[in-house]
Each structure stands twice: as C-alpha cells, then as structure tokens.
Amino acid sequence: MSELSRRVAVAVVGIPAVLGLAYLGGWFLAVPIAGFAAWGAHECYRLASVQGLGPLGVVGSATSAGFVLLAAWRPVFADFAPWALALVGVSTGVTLVAAMLCRPPDQHPLAASAIAVFGSVYAGLSLSFIPLLRGLPGVEGWAEGEAMGWPGLFIVALPLVTTWVGDGSAFFAGTAWGKKKLAPTISPNKSWVGFWADLIGASVAAVLWMILAQPLLPGLDLGGLWVVALIGAFLGVAGVIGDLVESLLKRGGGAKDSGTFFPGHGGVLDRIDSLVFAVPIAYCSLVLIAG
C-alpha cells in the first residue's frame, strides 16, 4: 500500500472517530486521549531506551495520562493549572526517588529522570488542552443554550482541520514541486514549497472553519477573517515545528517511525506530532483574542 493510500485509510477511520468523541466531550473524549498520551510518552521513552538512556517510563506514562484526566475533571484553565503544576511536582519527586533506587550512577540517573518528566509534558500536557478547548464555548459564553456538543466539536476542530489540511497541502505540493529542502538533516522529505503550501492551506482551512462555526458560536469574535487566517497560518507553523521535533527525536533513536500502534502507518507520536504545539497554541490564541 502506498503512503497516500495509508494516509487516506487512516483518515477515513480516524477523522470520524475523533470528531465523534469531540462531540460527546467529557470522559468519552478524555479517556481515549489519555490513553494516547500515555502511549505517546511510552514511544518517546522507547526512542530514548534505544540510545541506552533507560528512562523511568512507568511514572512518565502515568503522569502523561494524568494531565489529560485532570483537564477533563477541571476543564477551566484557572482550575486546571494548580493541579497540573502539583502533578508535575509529584511526578518529578517520584521520578527522582525511583532513579535513586533503580538507577546507580553509571546508568545515567539524571538523563533517566529528565526524559521521564519531558515525555509526560511532551505527550500529556500538550494533549490536555483538548478537553480545555472543548470546554471553552461554555466557559467563555461563546455558545447559547445548554447543548455544547456542536460548539465544542467546532472549537476542537480548529487545530485539527488546520493541521490536517496544512499537512495534506504540504504533502501534495512538496511531492509535485518541492526541490529545496526545509531541514534535510532532520526530515529529508520536507521542502520549502511544502512549508509555504502548509501555511496557505492552514490559513484557508481556518477561514472556512470560521464561516462554518460562526452560527454555532455567535459569541466568538476574533476580529475578522484576516485575523482567523493569521491564526491558521500560525497553527500551520506550529504543526510543521511539531513534525520536525518528532522527526528529530526519531532520528536520535535511529527509527523511521515512533512505533507500530497504527499498523503500516507508524505510532501515536507520528499521528499527534503536529498537534503537540498546535493544540495549546489554538487554545491560547482563542482565549487571548476572543476571551
């Protein structure tokens, strides 16, 4: 099966599932996302283990899932932040104690501890903004009535559609016309043509998103479609950076894919790499501009 066929197959199954969970919200959304966060952290630790660093993965994976579950329990950022900070502190303390007990000085205790904390923040804290995004229409008063299924779905869809459309635009444009490489030592297939196509595609997707979402989010004022287009471009850049960061981690571990969670299509990190930065940035952009 070609790369394009695999992309289409994953999209046909995955996109309706993700959108359906976003519509349901609550624990229906948080529990699967927490599972993905834990497995994404596990893949990060596997890449580190290949380099002989032996991170304390059990603590980190549990913390990664904990971030997402905390966000579902406390979907307002002001309520979530103190608990998340406490979780970082507890996780760091447990990791250091575990390193003291299980990692003698010749087995890189500092690296094992640092990677455990990094993996939980990288995969877990980033995805915890999905439940926080889902709750924004009710928290900020952007939607009317008590039914928040569709407004919540559309808010979550902003970083999803911008990164998906941007990535697809980059893939087709880069394949057809990409000559000059963007970061050849990290991701040889990425080109400058693909990068600019990503930004344009993400901007157009954001504008279309706003046109479709406005009737369901009458209280959301982002200052005009040009502002929305800039947000889309910003999310497109965030998606590219997320993709390059994950490629860097994979190259450090000597791996083509982060894992085999999706047969023939890579691991969890391969699927969420663009969202690691895009989801938190989407949340901050919406709150700062319209909140």
C-alpha atoms as a PDB file:
ATOM      1  CA  MET A   1       0.000   0.000   0.000  1.00  0.00           C
ATOM      2  CA  SER A   2       1.362   3.427  -0.971  1.00  0.00           C
ATOM      3  CA  GLU A   3       1.931   6.213   1.561  1.00  0.00           C
ATOM      4  CA  LEU A   4      -1.034   8.139   0.122  1.00  0.00           C
ATOM      5  CA  SER A   5      -3.289   5.077   0.447  1.00  0.00           C
ATOM      6  CA  ARG A   6      -2.257   4.614   4.078  1.00  0.00           C
ATOM      7  CA  ARG A   7      -2.937   8.285   4.805  1.00  0.00           C
ATOM      8  CA  VAL A   8      -6.413   8.004   3.270  1.00  0.00           C
ATOM      9  CA  ALA A   9      -7.191   4.773   5.137  1.00  0.00           C
ATOM     10  CA  VAL A  10      -6.218   6.264   8.497  1.00  0.00           C
ATOM     11  CA  ALA A  11      -8.168   9.446   7.736  1.00  0.00           C
ATOM     12  CA  VAL A  12     -11.336   7.568   6.738  1.00  0.00           C
ATOM     13  CA  VAL A  13     -11.373   5.686  10.039  1.00  0.00           C
ATOM     14  CA  GLY A  14      -9.726   8.174  12.356  1.00  0.00           C
ATOM     15  CA  ILE A  15     -11.332  11.510  11.487  1.00  0.00           C
ATOM     16  CA  PRO A  16     -14.970  10.470  12.133  1.00  0.00           C
ATOM     17  CA  ALA A  17     -13.915   8.772  15.376  1.00  0.00           C
ATOM     18  CA  VAL A  18     -12.047  11.846  16.631  1.00  0.00           C
ATOM     19  CA  LEU A  19     -14.882  14.202  15.691  1.00  0.00           C
ATOM     20  CA  GLY A  20     -17.449  11.918  17.294  1.00  0.00           C
ATOM     21  CA  LEU A  21     -15.521  11.868  20.577  1.00  0.00           C
ATOM     22  CA  ALA A  22     -15.133  15.656  20.422  1.00  0.00           C
ATOM     23  CA  TYR A  23     -18.910  15.986  20.021  1.00  0.00           C
ATOM     24  CA  LEU A  24     -19.549  13.791  23.071  1.00  0.00           C
ATOM     25  CA  GLY A  25     -16.903  15.519  25.179  1.00  0.00           C
ATOM     26  CA  GLY A  26     -16.362  14.794  28.871  1.00  0.00           C
ATOM     27  CA  TRP A  27     -14.878  11.455  29.800  1.00  0.00           C
ATOM     28  CA  PHE A  28     -15.851   9.994  26.417  1.00  0.00           C
ATOM     29  CA  LEU A  29     -13.203  12.286  24.927  1.00  0.00           C
ATOM     30  CA  ALA A  30     -10.729  12.395  27.811  1.00  0.00           C
ATOM     31  CA  VAL A  31     -10.221   8.673  28.440  1.00  0.00           C
ATOM     32  CA  PRO A  32      -9.147   7.772  24.871  1.00  0.00           C
ATOM     33  CA  ILE A  33      -6.991  10.908  24.669  1.00  0.00           C
ATOM     34  CA  ALA A  34      -5.377   9.970  27.995  1.00  0.00           C
ATOM     35  CA  GLY A  35      -4.608   6.533  26.568  1.00  0.00           C
ATOM     36  CA  PHE A  36      -2.991   8.095  23.507  1.00  0.00           C
ATOM     37  CA  ALA A  37      -0.998  10.449  25.730  1.00  0.00           C
ATOM     38  CA  ALA A  38       0.311   7.574  27.844  1.00  0.00           C
ATOM     39  CA  TRP A  39       1.250   5.550  24.766  1.00  0.00           C
ATOM     40  CA  GLY A  40       2.853   8.569  23.113  1.00  0.00           C
ATOM     41  CA  ALA A  41       5.031   9.053  26.187  1.00  0.00           C
ATOM     42  CA  HIS A  42       5.868   5.339  26.073  1.00  0.00           C
ATOM     43  CA  GLU A  43       7.056   5.722  22.469  1.00  0.00           C
ATOM     44  CA  CYS A  44       9.194   8.679  23.486  1.00  0.00           C
ATOM     45  CA  TYR A  45      10.810   6.555  26.194  1.00  0.00           C
ATOM     46  CA  ARG A  46      11.375   3.717  23.747  1.00  0.00           C
ATOM     47  CA  LEU A  47      13.320   6.089  21.486  1.00  0.00           C
ATOM     48  CA  ALA A  48      15.442   7.092  24.487  1.00  0.00           C
ATOM     49  CA  SER A  49      15.992   3.470  25.503  1.00  0.00           C
ATOM     50  CA  VAL A  50      17.465   2.702  22.094  1.00  0.00           C
ATOM     51  CA  GLN A  51      20.164   5.251  22.946  1.00  0.00           C
ATOM     52  CA  GLY A  52      20.924   3.453  26.210  1.00  0.00           C
ATOM     53  CA  LEU A  53      19.349   6.075  28.491  1.00  0.00           C
ATOM     54  CA  GLY A  54      16.739   3.831  30.164  1.00  0.00           C
ATOM     55  CA  PRO A  55      14.090   6.382  31.226  1.00  0.00           C
ATOM     56  CA  LEU A  56      11.664   5.682  34.088  1.00  0.00           C
ATOM     57  CA  GLY A  57       8.764   5.202  31.727  1.00  0.00           C
ATOM     58  CA  VAL A  58       6.049   3.891  34.038  1.00  0.00           C
ATOM     59  CA  VAL A  59       5.974   7.087  36.085  1.00  0.00           C
ATOM     60  CA  GLY A  60       6.116   9.278  32.988  1.00  0.00           C
ATOM     61  CA  SER A  61       3.351   7.442  31.107  1.00  0.00           C
ATOM     62  CA  ALA A  62       1.047   7.581  34.132  1.00  0.00           C
ATOM     63  CA  THR A  63       1.740  11.308  34.507  1.00  0.00           C
ATOM     64  CA  SER A  64       1.066  11.870  30.813  1.00  0.00           C
ATOM     65  CA  ALA A  65      -2.386  10.308  31.107  1.00  0.00           C
ATOM     66  CA  GLY A  66      -2.947  12.177  34.362  1.00  0.00           C
ATOM     67  CA  PHE A  67      -2.613  15.569  32.675  1.00  0.00           C
ATOM     68  CA  VAL A  68      -5.467  14.768  30.283  1.00  0.00           C
ATOM     69  CA  LEU A  69      -7.715  13.334  33.002  1.00  0.00           C
ATOM     70  CA  LEU A  70      -7.091  16.401  35.168  1.00  0.00           C
ATOM     71  CA  ALA A  71      -8.147  18.639  32.279  1.00  0.00           C
ATOM     72  CA  ALA A  72     -11.396  16.688  31.931  1.00  0.00           C
ATOM     73  CA  TRP A  73     -12.001  16.945  35.673  1.00  0.00           C
ATOM     74  CA  ARG A  74     -11.119  20.651  35.794  1.00  0.00           C
ATOM     75  CA  PRO A  75     -11.895  21.972  32.271  1.00  0.00           C
ATOM     76  CA  VAL A  76     -11.321  25.625  33.209  1.00  0.00           C
ATOM     77  CA  PHE A  77      -7.650  26.570  32.900  1.00  0.00           C
ATOM     78  CA  ALA A  78      -7.596  28.539  36.158  1.00  0.00           C
ATOM     79  CA  ASP A  79      -8.790  25.391  37.957  1.00  0.00           C
ATOM     80  CA  PHE A  80      -6.637  23.016  35.940  1.00  0.00           C
ATOM     81  CA  ALA A  81      -3.304  24.858  36.245  1.00  0.00           C
ATOM     82  CA  PRO A  82      -2.703  24.393  40.013  1.00  0.00           C
ATOM     83  CA  TRP A  83      -3.475  20.679  39.785  1.00  0.00           C
ATOM     84  CA  ALA A  84      -1.245  20.285  36.721  1.00  0.00           C
ATOM     85  CA  LEU A  85       1.585  22.082  38.497  1.00  0.00           C
ATOM     86  CA  ALA A  86       1.119  19.830  41.513  1.00  0.00           C
ATOM     87  CA  LEU A  87       1.214  16.778  39.240  1.00  0.00           C
ATOM     88  CA  VAL A  88       4.496  17.981  37.716  1.00  0.00           C
ATOM     89  CA  GLY A  89       5.950  18.375  41.204  1.00  0.00           C
ATOM     90  CA  VAL A  90       4.757  14.999  42.463  1.00  0.00           C
ATOM     91  CA  SER A  91       5.854  13.242  39.269  1.00  0.00           C
ATOM     92  CA  THR A  92       9.298  14.851  39.449  1.00  0.00           C
ATOM     93  CA  GLY A  93       9.696  13.829  43.084  1.00  0.00           C
ATOM     94  CA  VAL A  94       8.594  10.243  42.432  1.00  0.00           C
ATOM     95  CA  THR A  95      10.882  10.059  39.402  1.00  0.00           C
ATOM     96  CA  LEU A  96      13.893  11.234  41.406  1.00  0.00           C
ATOM     97  CA  VAL A  97      13.198   8.737  44.197  1.00  0.00           C
ATOM     98  CA  ALA A  98      12.798   5.960  41.630  1.00  0.00           C
ATOM     99  CA  ALA A  99      16.073   6.994  39.990  1.00  0.00           C
ATOM    100  CA  MET A 100      17.805   6.915  43.351  1.00  0.00           C
ATOM    101  CA  LEU A 101      16.514   3.383  43.991  1.00  0.00           C
ATOM    102  CA  CYS A 102      16.776   1.920  40.493  1.00  0.00           C
ATOM    103  CA  ARG A 103      19.494   3.822  38.620  1.00  0.00           C
ATOM    104  CA  PRO A 104      23.038   3.659  40.008  1.00  0.00           C
ATOM    105  CA  PRO A 105      25.417   6.445  38.984  1.00  0.00           C
ATOM    106  CA  ASP A 106      26.732   4.536  35.960  1.00  0.00           C
ATOM    107  CA  GLN A 107      23.209   4.180  34.457  1.00  0.00           C
ATOM    108  CA  HIS A 108      22.522   7.852  33.713  1.00  0.00           C
ATOM    109  CA  PRO A 109      20.138   8.729  36.595  1.00  0.00           C
ATOM    110  CA  LEU A 110      19.929  12.382  35.556  1.00  0.00           C
ATOM    111  CA  ALA A 111      19.055  11.553  31.960  1.00  0.00           C
ATOM    112  CA  ALA A 112      16.549   8.888  33.043  1.00  0.00           C
ATOM    113  CA  SER A 113      14.792  11.341  35.341  1.00  0.00           C
ATOM    114  CA  ALA A 114      14.805  14.238  32.894  1.00  0.00           C
ATOM    115  CA  ILE A 115      13.487  12.168  29.997  1.00  0.00           C
ATOM    116  CA  ALA A 116      10.688  10.756  32.158  1.00  0.00           C
ATOM    117  CA  VAL A 117       9.462  14.264  33.002  1.00  0.00           C
ATOM    118  CA  PHE A 118       9.984  15.527  29.442  1.00  0.00           C
ATOM    119  CA  GLY A 119       7.978  12.679  27.890  1.00  0.00           C
ATOM    120  CA  SER A 120       4.992  13.294  30.149  1.00  0.00           C
ATOM    121  CA  VAL A 121       4.939  17.015  29.327  1.00  0.00           C
ATOM    122  CA  TYR A 122       5.590  16.466  25.624  1.00  0.00           C
ATOM    123  CA  ALA A 123       2.824  13.913  25.063  1.00  0.00           C
ATOM    124  CA  GLY A 124       0.489  14.544  28.007  1.00  0.00           C
ATOM    125  CA  LEU A 125       0.420  18.226  28.882  1.00  0.00           C
ATOM    126  CA  SER A 126       0.043  19.167  25.219  1.00  0.00           C
ATOM    127  CA  LEU A 127      -2.952  16.859  24.696  1.00  0.00           C
ATOM    128  CA  SER A 128      -4.567  18.013  27.949  1.00  0.00           C
ATOM    129  CA  PHE A 129      -5.503  21.198  26.088  1.00  0.00           C
ATOM    130  CA  ILE A 130      -8.014  19.206  24.019  1.00  0.00           C
ATOM    131  CA  PRO A 131     -10.508  18.895  26.931  1.00  0.00           C
ATOM    132  CA  LEU A 132      -9.749  22.513  27.827  1.00  0.00           C
ATOM    133  CA  LEU A 133     -10.535  23.571  24.249  1.00  0.00           C
ATOM    134  CA  ARG A 134     -13.730  21.518  24.299  1.00  0.00           C
ATOM    135  CA  GLY A 135     -14.982  23.439  27.315  1.00  0.00           C
ATOM    136  CA  LEU A 136     -14.257  26.954  26.007  1.00  0.00           C
ATOM    137  CA  PRO A 137     -17.684  27.701  24.434  1.00  0.00           C
ATOM    138  CA  GLY A 138     -19.410  27.181  27.774  1.00  0.00           C
ATOM    139  CA  VAL A 139     -16.704  28.826  29.878  1.00  0.00           C
ATOM    140  CA  GLU A 140     -16.409  31.930  27.680  1.00  0.00           C
ATOM    141  CA  GLY A 141     -20.101  32.184  26.746  1.00  0.00           C
ATOM    142  CA  TRP A 142     -19.495  31.794  23.022  1.00  0.00           C
ATOM    143  CA  ALA A 143     -22.464  29.457  22.532  1.00  0.00           C
ATOM    144  CA  GLU A 144     -26.093  29.761  23.597  1.00  0.00           C
ATOM    145  CA  GLY A 145     -28.116  27.155  25.455  1.00  0.00           C
ATOM    146  CA  GLU A 146     -27.032  24.091  27.368  1.00  0.00           C
ATOM    147  CA  ALA A 147     -26.187  21.781  24.462  1.00  0.00           C
ATOM    148  CA  MET A 148     -22.451  22.183  23.855  1.00  0.00           C
ATOM    149  CA  GLY A 149     -21.895  19.201  21.568  1.00  0.00           C
ATOM    150  CA  TRP A 150     -21.593  21.028  18.258  1.00  0.00           C
ATOM    151  CA  PRO A 151     -19.946  24.209  19.610  1.00  0.00           C
ATOM    152  CA  GLY A 152     -17.416  22.076  21.499  1.00  0.00           C
ATOM    153  CA  LEU A 153     -16.779  19.965  18.410  1.00  0.00           C
ATOM    154  CA  PHE A 154     -16.117  23.023  16.252  1.00  0.00           C
ATOM    155  CA  ILE A 155     -13.703  24.534  18.757  1.00  0.00           C
ATOM    156  CA  VAL A 156     -11.689  21.304  18.955  1.00  0.00           C
ATOM    157  CA  ALA A 157     -11.811  21.087  15.155  1.00  0.00           C
ATOM    158  CA  LEU A 158      -9.834  24.328  14.680  1.00  0.00           C
ATOM    159  CA  PRO A 159      -6.338  22.922  15.338  1.00  0.00           C
ATOM    160  CA  LEU A 160      -7.341  19.588  13.812  1.00  0.00           C
ATOM    161  CA  VAL A 161      -8.515  20.869  10.435  1.00  0.00           C
ATOM    162  CA  THR A 162      -5.744  23.453  10.096  1.00  0.00           C
ATOM    163  CA  THR A 163      -3.014  20.878  10.712  1.00  0.00           C
ATOM    164  CA  TRP A 164      -4.716  18.193   8.615  1.00  0.00           C
ATOM    165  CA  VAL A 165      -5.319  20.490   5.642  1.00  0.00           C
ATOM    166  CA  GLY A 166      -1.918  22.117   6.051  1.00  0.00           C
ATOM    167  CA  ASP A 167      -0.171  18.750   6.183  1.00  0.00           C
ATOM    168  CA  GLY A 168      -2.092  17.489   3.158  1.00  0.00           C
ATOM    169  CA  SER A 169      -1.287  20.658   1.202  1.00  0.00           C
ATOM    170  CA  ALA A 170       2.390  20.320   2.088  1.00  0.00           C
ATOM    171  CA  PHE A 171       2.428  16.664   1.050  1.00  0.00           C
ATOM    172  CA  PHE A 172       0.937  17.226  -2.402  1.00  0.00           C
ATOM    173  CA  ALA A 173       2.785  20.470  -3.176  1.00  0.00           C
ATOM    174  CA  GLY A 174       6.083  19.148  -1.848  1.00  0.00           C
ATOM    175  CA  THR A 175       5.754  15.915  -3.815  1.00  0.00           C
ATOM    176  CA  ALA A 176       4.997  17.784  -7.040  1.00  0.00           C
ATOM    177  CA  TRP A 177       7.320  20.804  -6.820  1.00  0.00           C
ATOM    178  CA  GLY A 178       9.494  20.551  -3.734  1.00  0.00           C
ATOM    179  CA  LYS A 179      13.159  20.855  -4.621  1.00  0.00           C
ATOM    180  CA  LYS A 180      14.865  22.910  -1.930  1.00  0.00           C
ATOM    181  CA  LYS A 181      14.750  21.026   1.366  1.00  0.00           C
ATOM    182  CA  LEU A 182      13.486  22.664   4.539  1.00  0.00           C
ATOM    183  CA  ALA A 183      15.526  20.651   7.056  1.00  0.00           C
ATOM    184  CA  PRO A 184      17.417  17.927   5.176  1.00  0.00           C
ATOM    185  CA  THR A 185      19.300  16.570   8.184  1.00  0.00           C
ATOM    186  CA  ILE A 186      16.083  16.138  10.190  1.00  0.00           C
ATOM    187  CA  SER A 187      13.340  15.408   7.651  1.00  0.00           C
ATOM    188  CA  PRO A 188      14.657  14.960   4.096  1.00  0.00           C
ATOM    189  CA  ASN A 189      11.173  14.850   2.542  1.00  0.00           C
ATOM    190  CA  LYS A 190      10.134  18.321   3.714  1.00  0.00           C
ATOM    191  CA  SER A 191      10.650  21.208   1.316  1.00  0.00           C
ATOM    192  CA  TRP A 192      10.201  24.959   1.392  1.00  0.00           C
ATOM    193  CA  VAL A 193       7.445  24.637  -1.198  1.00  0.00           C
ATOM    194  CA  GLY A 194       5.655  22.253   1.131  1.00  0.00           C
ATOM    195  CA  PHE A 195       6.136  24.649   4.046  1.00  0.00           C
ATOM    196  CA  TRP A 196       4.501  27.574   2.228  1.00  0.00           C
ATOM    197  CA  ALA A 197       1.743  25.298   0.941  1.00  0.00           C
ATOM    198  CA  ASP A 198       1.151  24.207   4.546  1.00  0.00           C
ATOM    199  CA  LEU A 199       0.723  27.827   5.677  1.00  0.00           C
ATOM    200  CA  ILE A 200      -1.638  28.668   2.819  1.00  0.00           C
ATOM    201  CA  GLY A 201      -3.691  25.508   3.309  1.00  0.00           C
ATOM    202  CA  ALA A 202      -3.924  26.049   7.066  1.00  0.00           C
ATOM    203  CA  SER A 203      -4.988  29.687   6.585  1.00  0.00           C
ATOM    204  CA  VAL A 204      -7.720  28.762   4.105  1.00  0.00           C
ATOM    205  CA  ALA A 205      -8.899  25.959   6.388  1.00  0.00           C
ATOM    206  CA  ALA A 206      -9.127  28.360   9.339  1.00  0.00           C
ATOM    207  CA  VAL A 207     -11.215  30.850   7.320  1.00  0.00           C
ATOM    208  CA  LEU A 208     -13.591  28.119   6.167  1.00  0.00           C
ATOM    209  CA  TRP A 209     -13.763  26.853   9.741  1.00  0.00           C
ATOM    210  CA  MET A 210     -14.789  30.307  10.986  1.00  0.00           C
ATOM    211  CA  ILE A 211     -17.508  30.638   8.318  1.00  0.00           C
ATOM    212  CA  LEU A 212     -18.994  27.271   9.286  1.00  0.00           C
ATOM    213  CA  ALA A 213     -18.552  27.721  13.044  1.00  0.00           C
ATOM    214  CA  GLN A 214     -19.941  31.256  13.392  1.00  0.00           C
ATOM    215  CA  PRO A 215     -23.652  30.262  13.531  1.00  0.00           C
ATOM    216  CA  LEU A 216     -22.900  27.853  16.388  1.00  0.00           C
ATOM    217  CA  LEU A 217     -20.550  30.261  18.188  1.00  0.00           C
ATOM    218  CA  PRO A 218     -22.286  33.652  17.989  1.00  0.00           C
ATOM    219  CA  GLY A 219     -20.321  34.997  20.943  1.00  0.00           C
ATOM    220  CA  LEU A 220     -16.922  34.247  19.393  1.00  0.00           C
ATOM    221  CA  ASP A 221     -15.388  37.414  17.952  1.00  0.00           C
ATOM    222  CA  LEU A 222     -11.903  37.011  16.524  1.00  0.00           C
ATOM    223  CA  GLY A 223     -11.788  40.415  14.832  1.00  0.00           C
ATOM    224  CA  GLY A 224     -12.367  39.417  11.224  1.00  0.00           C
ATOM    225  CA  LEU A 225     -11.436  36.702   8.770  1.00  0.00           C
ATOM    226  CA  TRP A 226      -7.946  38.111   8.223  1.00  0.00           C
ATOM    227  CA  VAL A 227      -7.206  37.516  11.915  1.00  0.00           C
ATOM    228  CA  VAL A 228      -8.553  33.982  11.575  1.00  0.00           C
ATOM    229  CA  ALA A 229      -6.316  33.452   8.534  1.00  0.00           C
ATOM    230  CA  LEU A 230      -3.296  34.587  10.568  1.00  0.00           C
ATOM    231  CA  ILE A 231      -4.271  32.184  13.359  1.00  0.00           C
ATOM    232  CA  GLY A 232      -4.475  29.410  10.776  1.00  0.00           C
ATOM    233  CA  ALA A 233      -1.019  30.275   9.435  1.00  0.00           C
ATOM    234  CA  PHE A 234       0.346  30.343  12.978  1.00  0.00           C
ATOM    235  CA  LEU A 235      -1.137  26.901  13.620  1.00  0.00           C
ATOM    236  CA  GLY A 236       0.350  25.706  10.343  1.00  0.00           C
ATOM    237  CA  VAL A 237       3.814  26.802  11.505  1.00  0.00           C
ATOM    238  CA  ALA A 238       3.192  25.092  14.856  1.00  0.00           C
ATOM    239  CA  GLY A 239       2.277  21.889  13.033  1.00  0.00           C
ATOM    240  CA  VAL A 240       5.462  21.971  10.950  1.00  0.00           C
ATOM    241  CA  ILE A 241       7.601  22.583  14.043  1.00  0.00           C
ATOM    242  CA  GLY A 242       5.870  19.726  15.861  1.00  0.00           C
ATOM    243  CA  ASP A 243       6.522  17.423  12.924  1.00  0.00           C
ATOM    244  CA  LEU A 244      10.198  18.404  12.774  1.00  0.00           C
ATOM    245  CA  VAL A 245      10.659  17.979  16.525  1.00  0.00           C
ATOM    246  CA  GLU A 246       9.270  14.452  16.377  1.00  0.00           C
ATOM    247  CA  SER A 247      11.465  13.676  13.356  1.00  0.00           C
ATOM    248  CA  LEU A 248      14.472  14.868  15.347  1.00  0.00           C
ATOM    249  CA  LEU A 249      13.571  12.543  18.244  1.00  0.00           C
ATOM    250  CA  LYS A 250      13.132   9.616  15.856  1.00  0.00           C
ATOM    251  CA  ARG A 251      16.468  10.260  14.154  1.00  0.00           C
ATOM    252  CA  GLY A 252      18.130  10.403  17.552  1.00  0.00           C
ATOM    253  CA  GLY A 253      16.688   6.961  18.261  1.00  0.00           C
ATOM    254  CA  GLY A 254      17.517   5.646  14.794  1.00  0.00           C
ATOM    255  CA  ALA A 255      13.858   4.933  13.990  1.00  0.00           C
ATOM    256  CA  LYS A 256      11.756   5.626  10.907  1.00  0.00           C
ATOM    257  CA  ASP A 257       8.510   5.591  12.932  1.00  0.00           C
ATOM    258  CA  SER A 258       7.883   6.235  16.609  1.00  0.00           C
ATOM    259  CA  GLY A 259       6.090   2.892  16.958  1.00  0.00           C
ATOM    260  CA  THR A 260       3.668   0.426  15.389  1.00  0.00           C
ATOM    261  CA  PHE A 261       0.409   1.427  17.084  1.00  0.00           C
ATOM    262  CA  PHE A 262      -1.165   2.005  13.662  1.00  0.00           C
ATOM    263  CA  PRO A 263      -0.077  -0.980  11.532  1.00  0.00           C
ATOM    264  CA  GLY A 264       1.774   0.204   8.477  1.00  0.00           C
ATOM    265  CA  HIS A 265       1.318   3.833   9.479  1.00  0.00           C
ATOM    266  CA  GLY A 266       3.579   4.463  12.464  1.00  0.00           C
ATOM    267  CA  GLY A 267       2.977   5.155  16.117  1.00  0.00           C
ATOM    268  CA  VAL A 268       0.941   7.559  18.214  1.00  0.00           C
ATOM    269  CA  LEU A 269       3.617  10.263  18.107  1.00  0.00           C
ATOM    270  CA  ASP A 270       3.601  10.039  14.318  1.00  0.00           C
ATOM    271  CA  ARG A 271      -0.097  10.956  14.371  1.00  0.00           C
ATOM    272  CA  ILE A 272      -0.066  13.653  17.053  1.00  0.00           C
ATOM    273  CA  ASP A 273       3.277  15.304  16.268  1.00  0.00           C
ATOM    274  CA  SER A 274       1.658  18.285  14.519  1.00  0.00           C
ATOM    275  CA  LEU A 275      -0.867  18.726  17.336  1.00  0.00           C
ATOM    276  CA  VAL A 276       1.661  18.825  20.184  1.00  0.00           C
ATOM    277  CA  PHE A 277       2.221  22.539  19.584  1.00  0.00           C
ATOM    278  CA  ALA A 278      -0.901  23.390  17.560  1.00  0.00           C
ATOM    279  CA  VAL A 279      -3.488  22.451  20.217  1.00  0.00           C
ATOM    280  CA  PRO A 280      -2.037  24.576  23.065  1.00  0.00           C
ATOM    281  CA  ILE A 281      -1.427  27.468  20.643  1.00  0.00           C
ATOM    282  CA  ALA A 282      -5.016  27.248  19.385  1.00  0.00           C
ATOM    283  CA  TYR A 283      -6.254  27.445  22.978  1.00  0.00           C
ATOM    284  CA  CYS A 284      -4.059  30.435  23.807  1.00  0.00           C
ATOM    285  CA  SER A 285      -4.941  32.222  20.561  1.00  0.00           C
ATOM    286  CA  LEU A 286      -8.680  31.895  21.125  1.00  0.00           C
ATOM    287  CA  VAL A 287      -8.513  32.962  24.762  1.00  0.00           C
ATOM    288  CA  LEU A 288      -6.185  35.904  24.187  1.00  0.00           C
ATOM    289  CA  ILE A 289      -8.008  37.267  21.134  1.00  0.00           C
ATOM    290  CA  ALA A 290     -11.652  36.489  21.970  1.00  0.00           C
ATOM    291  CA  GLY A 291     -11.650  35.668  25.668  1.00  0.00           C
END
